[in-house]
Amino acid sequence: LVAPDGMEGFREIIARKPHVILTDKVMPKLDGFALLKSIKTIPELESIPVILMSDKLTPEEELRVFEQGFFDYLPKPINRSMLLARVKRAFRFNSQKYGFF
């Protein structure tokens, strides 16, 4: 699923309850941090792994990413192999924790 902005993405997440979420740090209407915060307020969504994509972050900013509760972080430009590896890791996390697969 792809959404044009963070608010529409949040609506899709509520409606479809995906197993993994990829979000950009900077988006119209609801940025990646606000999206994560909104997700964490809904019990049936709070355990979905959320991966943040962003331009390179400082070490302090990267620390904030994990302190806020993101599952992982991918620096831009996105490397396809790293993207696939991290999404697979998030799926494995969900399957081990909740027995999805």
N, C-alpha and C. Protein backbone atom coordinates (compact mmCIF):
# COMPACT_ATOMS: atom_id res chain seq x y z
N LEU A 1 0.84 -1.18 0.00
CA LEU A 1 0.00 0.00 0.00
C LEU A 1 0.88 1.23 0.00
N VAL A 2 0.46 2.24 -0.68
CA VAL A 2 1.17 3.52 -0.73
C VAL A 2 0.15 4.61 -0.46
N ALA A 3 0.56 5.59 0.35
CA ALA A 3 -0.33 6.70 0.66
C ALA A 3 0.35 8.01 0.27
N PRO A 4 -0.43 9.00 -0.17
CA PRO A 4 0.14 10.27 -0.61
C PRO A 4 0.62 11.16 0.54
N ASP A 5 0.15 10.90 1.76
CA ASP A 5 0.58 11.70 2.91
C ASP A 5 0.41 10.86 4.18
N GLY A 6 0.91 11.39 5.29
CA GLY A 6 0.87 10.65 6.54
C GLY A 6 -0.52 10.38 7.07
N MET A 7 -1.42 11.32 6.89
CA MET A 7 -2.79 11.13 7.38
C MET A 7 -3.50 10.02 6.63
N GLU A 8 -3.35 10.00 5.32
CA GLU A 8 -3.95 8.92 4.52
C GLU A 8 -3.27 7.58 4.87
N GLY A 9 -1.97 7.62 5.10
CA GLY A 9 -1.27 6.41 5.51
C GLY A 9 -1.83 5.88 6.82
N PHE A 10 -2.08 6.76 7.76
CA PHE A 10 -2.66 6.35 9.04
C PHE A 10 -4.03 5.72 8.85
N ARG A 11 -4.84 6.31 7.98
CA ARG A 11 -6.16 5.72 7.69
C ARG A 11 -6.02 4.31 7.12
N GLU A 12 -5.07 4.14 6.20
CA GLU A 12 -4.85 2.82 5.59
C GLU A 12 -4.37 1.82 6.64
N ILE A 13 -3.51 2.27 7.53
CA ILE A 13 -3.00 1.38 8.60
C ILE A 13 -4.14 0.91 9.47
N ILE A 14 -5.02 1.81 9.85
CA ILE A 14 -6.18 1.45 10.68
C ILE A 14 -7.07 0.46 9.93
N ALA A 15 -7.32 0.71 8.67
CA ALA A 15 -8.23 -0.13 7.89
C ALA A 15 -7.64 -1.50 7.57
N ARG A 16 -6.36 -1.56 7.29
CA ARG A 16 -5.77 -2.81 6.78
C ARG A 16 -4.88 -3.55 7.75
N LYS A 17 -4.43 -2.89 8.82
CA LYS A 17 -3.58 -3.52 9.84
C LYS A 17 -2.43 -4.33 9.22
N PRO A 18 -1.51 -3.65 8.55
CA PRO A 18 -0.40 -4.36 7.90
C PRO A 18 0.54 -4.99 8.92
N HIS A 19 1.37 -5.90 8.47
CA HIS A 19 2.33 -6.58 9.35
C HIS A 19 3.60 -5.77 9.53
N VAL A 20 3.92 -4.88 8.60
CA VAL A 20 5.10 -4.02 8.65
C VAL A 20 4.73 -2.68 8.02
N ILE A 21 5.28 -1.60 8.57
CA ILE A 21 5.03 -0.26 8.02
C ILE A 21 6.35 0.39 7.69
N LEU A 22 6.44 0.93 6.47
CA LEU A 22 7.57 1.77 6.06
C LEU A 22 7.05 3.19 5.98
N THR A 23 7.75 4.12 6.60
CA THR A 23 7.33 5.52 6.54
C THR A 23 8.52 6.43 6.34
N ASP A 24 8.25 7.52 5.67
CA ASP A 24 9.28 8.54 5.50
C ASP A 24 9.24 9.45 6.71
N LYS A 25 10.37 10.05 7.03
CA LYS A 25 10.42 11.00 8.14
C LYS A 25 9.63 12.26 7.81
N VAL A 26 9.75 12.75 6.59
CA VAL A 26 9.09 13.99 6.18
C VAL A 26 7.96 13.65 5.21
N MET A 27 6.74 13.97 5.63
CA MET A 27 5.55 13.76 4.79
C MET A 27 4.57 14.88 5.06
N PRO A 28 3.71 15.19 4.09
CA PRO A 28 2.66 16.17 4.34
C PRO A 28 1.64 15.64 5.36
N LYS A 29 1.04 16.54 6.09
CA LYS A 29 -0.08 16.30 7.03
C LYS A 29 0.29 15.55 8.29
N LEU A 30 1.21 14.59 8.25
CA LEU A 30 1.58 13.82 9.43
C LEU A 30 2.96 13.24 9.15
N ASP A 31 4.00 13.72 9.85
CA ASP A 31 5.34 13.20 9.57
C ASP A 31 5.52 11.82 10.19
N GLY A 32 6.66 11.21 9.94
CA GLY A 32 6.91 9.85 10.41
C GLY A 32 6.81 9.70 11.91
N PHE A 33 7.33 10.68 12.66
CA PHE A 33 7.27 10.61 14.13
C PHE A 33 5.84 10.73 14.63
N ALA A 34 5.06 11.63 14.05
CA ALA A 34 3.65 11.79 14.44
C ALA A 34 2.84 10.54 14.05
N LEU A 35 3.17 9.95 12.91
CA LEU A 35 2.50 8.72 12.49
C LEU A 35 2.76 7.61 13.50
N LEU A 36 4.02 7.44 13.90
CA LEU A 36 4.36 6.40 14.88
C LEU A 36 3.63 6.65 16.19
N LYS A 37 3.63 7.89 16.64
CA LYS A 37 2.94 8.23 17.89
C LYS A 37 1.46 7.89 17.81
N SER A 38 0.84 8.18 16.67
CA SER A 38 -0.58 7.86 16.48
C SER A 38 -0.82 6.35 16.49
N ILE A 39 0.06 5.61 15.84
CA ILE A 39 -0.06 4.15 15.79
C ILE A 39 0.04 3.56 17.20
N LYS A 40 0.96 4.09 18.00
CA LYS A 40 1.20 3.55 19.34
C LYS A 40 0.03 3.79 20.29
N THR A 41 -0.92 4.66 19.92
CA THR A 41 -2.07 4.90 20.79
C THR A 41 -3.19 3.88 20.59
N ILE A 42 -3.06 3.03 19.59
CA ILE A 42 -4.10 2.05 19.27
C ILE A 42 -3.57 0.66 19.60
N PRO A 43 -4.11 0.01 20.63
CA PRO A 43 -3.56 -1.27 21.09
C PRO A 43 -3.35 -2.32 20.00
N GLU A 44 -4.30 -2.47 19.07
CA GLU A 44 -4.14 -3.51 18.06
C GLU A 44 -3.11 -3.15 16.98
N LEU A 45 -2.61 -1.92 16.99
CA LEU A 45 -1.60 -1.49 16.02
C LEU A 45 -0.22 -1.28 16.64
N GLU A 46 -0.16 -1.10 17.94
CA GLU A 46 1.07 -0.66 18.59
C GLU A 46 2.25 -1.61 18.43
N SER A 47 2.01 -2.86 18.15
CA SER A 47 3.12 -3.81 18.02
C SER A 47 3.60 -4.00 16.57
N ILE A 48 2.99 -3.30 15.61
CA ILE A 48 3.43 -3.42 14.22
C ILE A 48 4.81 -2.77 14.09
N PRO A 49 5.79 -3.48 13.55
CA PRO A 49 7.11 -2.87 13.35
C PRO A 49 7.04 -1.73 12.33
N VAL A 50 7.58 -0.57 12.71
CA VAL A 50 7.58 0.60 11.84
C VAL A 50 9.04 0.96 11.52
N ILE A 51 9.34 1.00 10.23
CA ILE A 51 10.69 1.32 9.76
C ILE A 51 10.66 2.74 9.20
N LEU A 52 11.56 3.59 9.70
CA LEU A 52 11.65 4.97 9.25
C LEU A 52 12.69 5.10 8.15
N MET A 53 12.33 5.81 7.08
CA MET A 53 13.26 6.13 6.00
C MET A 53 13.52 7.63 6.03
N SER A 54 14.79 8.01 5.91
CA SER A 54 15.12 9.43 5.96
C SER A 54 16.49 9.66 5.37
N ASP A 55 16.73 10.95 5.03
CA ASP A 55 18.10 11.31 4.68
C ASP A 55 18.98 10.96 5.88
N LYS A 56 20.24 10.92 5.67
CA LYS A 56 21.16 10.56 6.76
C LYS A 56 20.89 11.41 7.99
N LEU A 57 20.91 10.76 9.13
CA LEU A 57 20.65 11.42 10.40
C LEU A 57 21.95 11.54 11.18
N THR A 58 22.01 12.52 12.07
CA THR A 58 23.13 12.60 12.99
C THR A 58 22.98 11.46 13.99
N PRO A 59 24.05 11.11 14.70
CA PRO A 59 23.91 10.05 15.72
C PRO A 59 22.83 10.38 16.76
N GLU A 60 22.69 11.64 17.11
CA GLU A 60 21.66 12.04 18.08
C GLU A 60 20.25 11.83 17.51
N GLU A 61 20.08 12.18 16.24
CA GLU A 61 18.77 11.98 15.60
C GLU A 61 18.46 10.49 15.45
N GLU A 62 19.47 9.71 15.12
CA GLU A 62 19.26 8.27 14.98
C GLU A 62 18.89 7.66 16.33
N LEU A 63 19.51 8.12 17.40
CA LEU A 63 19.15 7.65 18.74
C LEU A 63 17.69 7.97 19.04
N ARG A 64 17.24 9.17 18.67
CA ARG A 64 15.84 9.57 18.87
C ARG A 64 14.89 8.62 18.15
N VAL A 65 15.29 8.18 16.95
CA VAL A 65 14.45 7.26 16.18
C VAL A 65 14.14 6.02 17.02
N PHE A 66 15.16 5.46 17.64
CA PHE A 66 14.95 4.23 18.42
C PHE A 66 14.32 4.51 19.77
N GLU A 67 14.62 5.64 20.36
CA GLU A 67 13.98 6.00 21.63
C GLU A 67 12.48 6.23 21.46
N GLN A 68 12.08 6.71 20.29
CA GLN A 68 10.66 6.95 20.02
C GLN A 68 9.92 5.65 19.73
N GLY A 69 10.64 4.57 19.42
CA GLY A 69 9.99 3.27 19.24
C GLY A 69 9.97 2.72 17.83
N PHE A 70 10.72 3.33 16.90
CA PHE A 70 10.79 2.74 15.57
C PHE A 70 11.50 1.40 15.64
N PHE A 71 11.08 0.47 14.82
CA PHE A 71 11.70 -0.86 14.77
C PHE A 71 13.07 -0.78 14.12
N ASP A 72 13.20 0.05 13.08
CA ASP A 72 14.46 0.16 12.36
C ASP A 72 14.50 1.48 11.61
N TYR A 73 15.66 1.76 11.03
CA TYR A 73 15.88 2.99 10.29
C TYR A 73 16.66 2.67 9.03
N LEU A 74 16.23 3.26 7.91
CA LEU A 74 16.93 3.11 6.63
C LEU A 74 17.33 4.49 6.11
N PRO A 75 18.63 4.71 5.90
CA PRO A 75 19.05 5.99 5.33
C PRO A 75 18.79 6.04 3.83
N LYS A 76 18.47 7.25 3.35
CA LYS A 76 18.30 7.46 1.91
C LYS A 76 19.64 7.85 1.32
N PRO A 77 19.91 7.55 0.08
CA PRO A 77 19.04 6.80 -0.83
C PRO A 77 18.90 5.35 -0.37
N ILE A 78 17.73 4.80 -0.59
CA ILE A 78 17.43 3.44 -0.12
C ILE A 78 18.16 2.41 -0.97
N ASN A 79 18.87 1.55 -0.30
CA ASN A 79 19.54 0.42 -0.94
C ASN A 79 18.54 -0.73 -0.95
N ARG A 80 18.20 -1.23 -2.12
CA ARG A 80 17.18 -2.27 -2.26
C ARG A 80 17.47 -3.50 -1.41
N SER A 81 18.71 -3.96 -1.39
CA SER A 81 19.07 -5.15 -0.61
C SER A 81 18.86 -4.91 0.89
N MET A 82 19.24 -3.73 1.36
CA MET A 82 19.06 -3.41 2.78
C MET A 82 17.57 -3.28 3.11
N LEU A 83 16.82 -2.69 2.20
CA LEU A 83 15.37 -2.56 2.41
C LEU A 83 14.75 -3.95 2.56
N LEU A 84 15.05 -4.84 1.65
CA LEU A 84 14.49 -6.19 1.70
C LEU A 84 14.92 -6.93 2.97
N ALA A 85 16.19 -6.79 3.35
CA ALA A 85 16.69 -7.46 4.55
C ALA A 85 15.98 -6.96 5.80
N ARG A 86 15.79 -5.67 5.89
CA ARG A 86 15.16 -5.10 7.09
C ARG A 86 13.66 -5.40 7.15
N VAL A 87 13.00 -5.41 6.00
CA VAL A 87 11.58 -5.77 5.99
C VAL A 87 11.42 -7.25 6.35
N LYS A 88 12.28 -8.11 5.81
CA LYS A 88 12.22 -9.53 6.17
C LYS A 88 12.45 -9.71 7.67
N ARG A 89 13.39 -8.96 8.23
CA ARG A 89 13.67 -9.02 9.67
C ARG A 89 12.42 -8.62 10.46
N ALA A 90 11.73 -7.58 10.01
CA ALA A 90 10.51 -7.14 10.69
C ALA A 90 9.42 -8.21 10.60
N PHE A 91 9.28 -8.85 9.43
CA PHE A 91 8.32 -9.94 9.29
C PHE A 91 8.67 -11.10 10.22
N ARG A 92 9.96 -11.44 10.30
CA ARG A 92 10.38 -12.53 11.20
C ARG A 92 10.06 -12.17 12.65
N PHE A 93 10.29 -10.93 13.02
CA PHE A 93 9.98 -10.47 14.37
C PHE A 93 8.49 -10.69 14.67
N ASN A 94 7.64 -10.29 13.75
CA ASN A 94 6.20 -10.46 13.92
C ASN A 94 5.80 -11.93 13.97
N SER A 95 6.39 -12.73 13.10
CA SER A 95 6.01 -14.14 13.07
C SER A 95 6.46 -14.86 14.34
N GLN A 96 7.61 -14.51 14.87
CA GLN A 96 8.08 -15.13 16.11
C GLN A 96 7.26 -14.67 17.30
N LYS A 97 6.90 -13.39 17.30
CA LYS A 97 6.17 -12.83 18.42
C LYS A 97 4.69 -13.22 18.42
N TYR A 98 4.09 -13.26 17.21
CA TYR A 98 2.65 -13.48 17.13
C TYR A 98 2.22 -14.70 16.32
N GLY A 99 3.17 -15.41 15.74
CA GLY A 99 2.83 -16.61 15.00
C GLY A 99 2.03 -16.36 13.73
N PHE A 100 2.34 -15.28 12.99
CA PHE A 100 1.60 -14.97 11.78
C PHE A 100 1.81 -15.98 10.68
N PHE A 101 3.03 -16.48 10.53
CA PHE A 101 3.34 -17.29 9.35
C PHE A 101 3.72 -18.69 9.73
